[in-house]
C-alpha cells in the first residue's frame, strides 16, 4: 500500500498492488508558513506513530525487525502483510484525524 498526494493540496489516494483508491479530500489543514505548523505536526505525528506501534500489526518480512510504518518530514508510509491489516491501519489513521 502506498499513499501519495495528488496534484491538488489536501488530497490523498492509496495504491495497493494493482488497485488505486478514489481521490479523497482531507478535511483539515494549517496554512504553510504558520508559526504553529511544525509544533502541531510534531504533536500529531508522534501520537499517531505511537498508536500505530500499539496495534501489533507488522510487515511480516522475515529477518527484519517488526514495524509497520516509516515517517519522514510530512510523509507517512505504512507496511503490512495483508489487505485486512492495511485497512485496519488506514482506519486508525482516518479515525485519528
C-alpha atoms as a PDB file:
ATOM      1  CA  UNK A   1       0.000   0.000   0.000  1.00  0.00           C
ATOM      2  CA  UNK A   2       1.407   3.367  -0.947  1.00  0.00           C
ATOM      3  CA  UNK A   3      -0.412   6.563  -0.103  1.00  0.00           C
ATOM      4  CA  UNK A   4       0.537   9.519  -2.224  1.00  0.00           C
ATOM      5  CA  UNK A   5      -0.563  13.096  -2.640  1.00  0.00           C
ATOM      6  CA  UNK A   6      -2.451  14.049  -5.766  1.00  0.00           C
ATOM      7  CA  UNK A   7      -1.900  17.197  -7.767  1.00  0.00           C
ATOM      8  CA  UNK A   8      -4.252  19.158  -5.524  1.00  0.00           C
ATOM      9  CA  UNK A   9      -3.466  20.272  -1.989  1.00  0.00           C
ATOM     10  CA  UNK A  10      -5.318  18.452   0.807  1.00  0.00           C
ATOM     11  CA  UNK A  11      -5.990  15.323  -1.241  1.00  0.00           C
ATOM     12  CA  UNK A  12      -4.922  11.717  -0.760  1.00  0.00           C
ATOM     13  CA  UNK A  13      -5.125   8.471  -2.666  1.00  0.00           C
ATOM     14  CA  UNK A  14      -3.847   4.960  -1.805  1.00  0.00           C
ATOM     15  CA  UNK A  15      -2.270   2.403  -4.118  1.00  0.00           C
ATOM     16  CA  UNK A  16      -2.012  -1.323  -3.288  1.00  0.00           C
ATOM     17  CA  UNK A  17      -0.566  -3.621  -5.943  1.00  0.00           C
ATOM     18  CA  UNK A  18      -2.897  -3.056  -8.898  1.00  0.00           C
ATOM     19  CA  UNK A  19      -5.705  -1.196  -7.080  1.00  0.00           C
ATOM     20  CA  UNK A  20      -5.874   2.571  -6.639  1.00  0.00           C
ATOM     21  CA  UNK A  21      -8.371   4.246  -4.317  1.00  0.00           C
ATOM     22  CA  UNK A  22     -10.531   7.176  -5.345  1.00  0.00           C
ATOM     23  CA  UNK A  23      -9.200  10.634  -4.595  1.00  0.00           C
ATOM     24  CA  UNK A  24     -10.020  11.670  -1.007  1.00  0.00           C
ATOM     25  CA  UNK A  25     -10.099  15.263   0.201  1.00  0.00           C
ATOM     26  CA  UNK A  26      -8.588  15.967   3.623  1.00  0.00           C
ATOM     27  CA  UNK A  27     -10.894  17.869   5.945  1.00  0.00           C
ATOM     28  CA  UNK A  28      -8.297  19.814   7.946  1.00  0.00           C
ATOM     29  CA  UNK A  29      -5.071  21.721   7.366  1.00  0.00           C
ATOM     30  CA  UNK A  30      -2.872  24.505   8.716  1.00  0.00           C
ATOM     31  CA  UNK A  31      -1.505  27.147   6.400  1.00  0.00           C
ATOM     32  CA  UNK A  32       2.042  26.612   5.251  1.00  0.00           C
ATOM     33  CA  UNK A  33       4.369  29.029   6.994  1.00  0.00           C
ATOM     34  CA  UNK A  34       2.216  29.318  10.106  1.00  0.00           C
ATOM     35  CA  UNK A  35       4.464  29.504  13.197  1.00  0.00           C
ATOM     36  CA  UNK A  36       2.466  26.755  14.911  1.00  0.00           C
ATOM     37  CA  UNK A  37       2.547  24.315  11.971  1.00  0.00           C
ATOM     38  CA  UNK A  38       5.784  22.464  12.903  1.00  0.00           C
ATOM     39  CA  UNK A  39       4.797  22.103  16.565  1.00  0.00           C
ATOM     40  CA  UNK A  40       1.273  20.946  15.746  1.00  0.00           C
ATOM     41  CA  UNK A  41       2.645  18.471  13.221  1.00  0.00           C
ATOM     42  CA  UNK A  42       5.138  17.043  15.749  1.00  0.00           C
ATOM     43  CA  UNK A  43       2.409  16.575  18.338  1.00  0.00           C
ATOM     44  CA  UNK A  44       0.098  14.987  15.784  1.00  0.00           C
ATOM     45  CA  UNK A  45       2.602  12.646  14.154  1.00  0.00           C
ATOM     46  CA  UNK A  46       4.164  11.410  17.414  1.00  0.00           C
ATOM     47  CA  UNK A  47       0.777  10.485  18.845  1.00  0.00           C
ATOM     48  CA  UNK A  48      -0.236   8.770  15.605  1.00  0.00           C
ATOM     49  CA  UNK A  49       3.027   6.772  15.383  1.00  0.00           C
ATOM     50  CA  UNK A  50       2.623   5.569  18.977  1.00  0.00           C
ATOM     51  CA  UNK A  51      -0.917   4.469  18.151  1.00  0.00           C
ATOM     52  CA  UNK A  52       0.274   2.584  15.056  1.00  0.00           C
ATOM     53  CA  UNK A  53       3.037   0.901  17.116  1.00  0.00           C
ATOM     54  CA  UNK A  54       0.466  -0.325  19.635  1.00  0.00           C
ATOM     55  CA  UNK A  55      -1.588  -2.271  17.064  1.00  0.00           C
ATOM     56  CA  UNK A  56       0.637  -5.354  16.887  1.00  0.00           C
ATOM     57  CA  UNK A  57       0.383  -5.255  13.069  1.00  0.00           C
ATOM     58  CA  UNK A  58       3.715  -5.678  11.276  1.00  0.00           C
ATOM     59  CA  UNK A  59       5.097  -6.049   7.733  1.00  0.00           C
ATOM     60  CA  UNK A  60       5.834  -9.829   8.044  1.00  0.00           C
ATOM     61  CA  UNK A  61       9.212  -9.692   6.257  1.00  0.00           C
ATOM     62  CA  UNK A  62      11.364 -12.469   7.699  1.00  0.00           C
ATOM     63  CA  UNK A  63      14.699 -11.499   9.233  1.00  0.00           C
ATOM     64  CA  UNK A  64      13.764  -7.825   9.607  1.00  0.00           C
ATOM     65  CA  UNK A  65      12.744  -6.158  12.879  1.00  0.00           C
ATOM     66  CA  UNK A  66       8.972  -5.750  13.280  1.00  0.00           C
ATOM     67  CA  UNK A  67       7.481  -2.347  12.434  1.00  0.00           C
ATOM     68  CA  UNK A  68       4.549  -1.080  10.410  1.00  0.00           C
ATOM     69  CA  UNK A  69       5.411   2.473   9.411  1.00  0.00           C
ATOM     70  CA  UNK A  70       8.102   4.935   8.402  1.00  0.00           C
ATOM     71  CA  UNK A  71       7.755   8.672   8.799  1.00  0.00           C
ATOM     72  CA  UNK A  72       9.946  11.431   7.439  1.00  0.00           C
ATOM     73  CA  UNK A  73       9.017  15.109   7.298  1.00  0.00           C
ATOM     74  CA  UNK A  74       5.360  15.096   6.235  1.00  0.00           C
ATOM     75  CA  UNK A  75       5.356  11.637   4.596  1.00  0.00           C
ATOM     76  CA  UNK A  76       3.930   8.546   6.317  1.00  0.00           C
ATOM     77  CA  UNK A  77       4.337   5.088   4.735  1.00  0.00           C
ATOM     78  CA  UNK A  78       2.521   2.040   6.123  1.00  0.00           C
ATOM     79  CA  UNK A  79       3.897  -1.506   5.724  1.00  0.00           C
ATOM     80  CA  UNK A  80       1.705  -4.557   6.328  1.00  0.00           C
ATOM     81  CA  UNK A  81       1.411  -8.204   5.332  1.00  0.00           C
ATOM     82  CA  UNK A  82      -2.245  -8.288   4.250  1.00  0.00           C
ATOM     83  CA  UNK A  83      -5.082  -6.194   2.881  1.00  0.00           C
ATOM     84  CA  UNK A  84      -7.023  -6.610   6.130  1.00  0.00           C
ATOM     85  CA  UNK A  85      -4.098  -5.212   8.134  1.00  0.00           C
ATOM     86  CA  UNK A  86      -3.742  -2.349   5.661  1.00  0.00           C
ATOM     87  CA  UNK A  87      -7.414  -1.491   6.066  1.00  0.00           C
ATOM     88  CA  UNK A  88      -7.068  -1.636   9.856  1.00  0.00           C
ATOM     89  CA  UNK A  89      -4.151   0.815   9.857  1.00  0.00           C
ATOM     90  CA  UNK A  90      -5.884   3.109   7.365  1.00  0.00           C
ATOM     91  CA  UNK A  91      -8.987   3.104   9.582  1.00  0.00           C
ATOM     92  CA  UNK A  92      -6.820   4.084  12.548  1.00  0.00           C
ATOM     93  CA  UNK A  93      -5.232   6.935  10.595  1.00  0.00           C
ATOM     94  CA  UNK A  94      -8.630   8.063   9.335  1.00  0.00           C
ATOM     95  CA  UNK A  95     -10.206   7.981  12.825  1.00  0.00           C
ATOM     96  CA  UNK A  96      -7.167   9.769  14.280  1.00  0.00           C
ATOM     97  CA  UNK A  97      -7.870  12.818  12.132  1.00  0.00           C
END
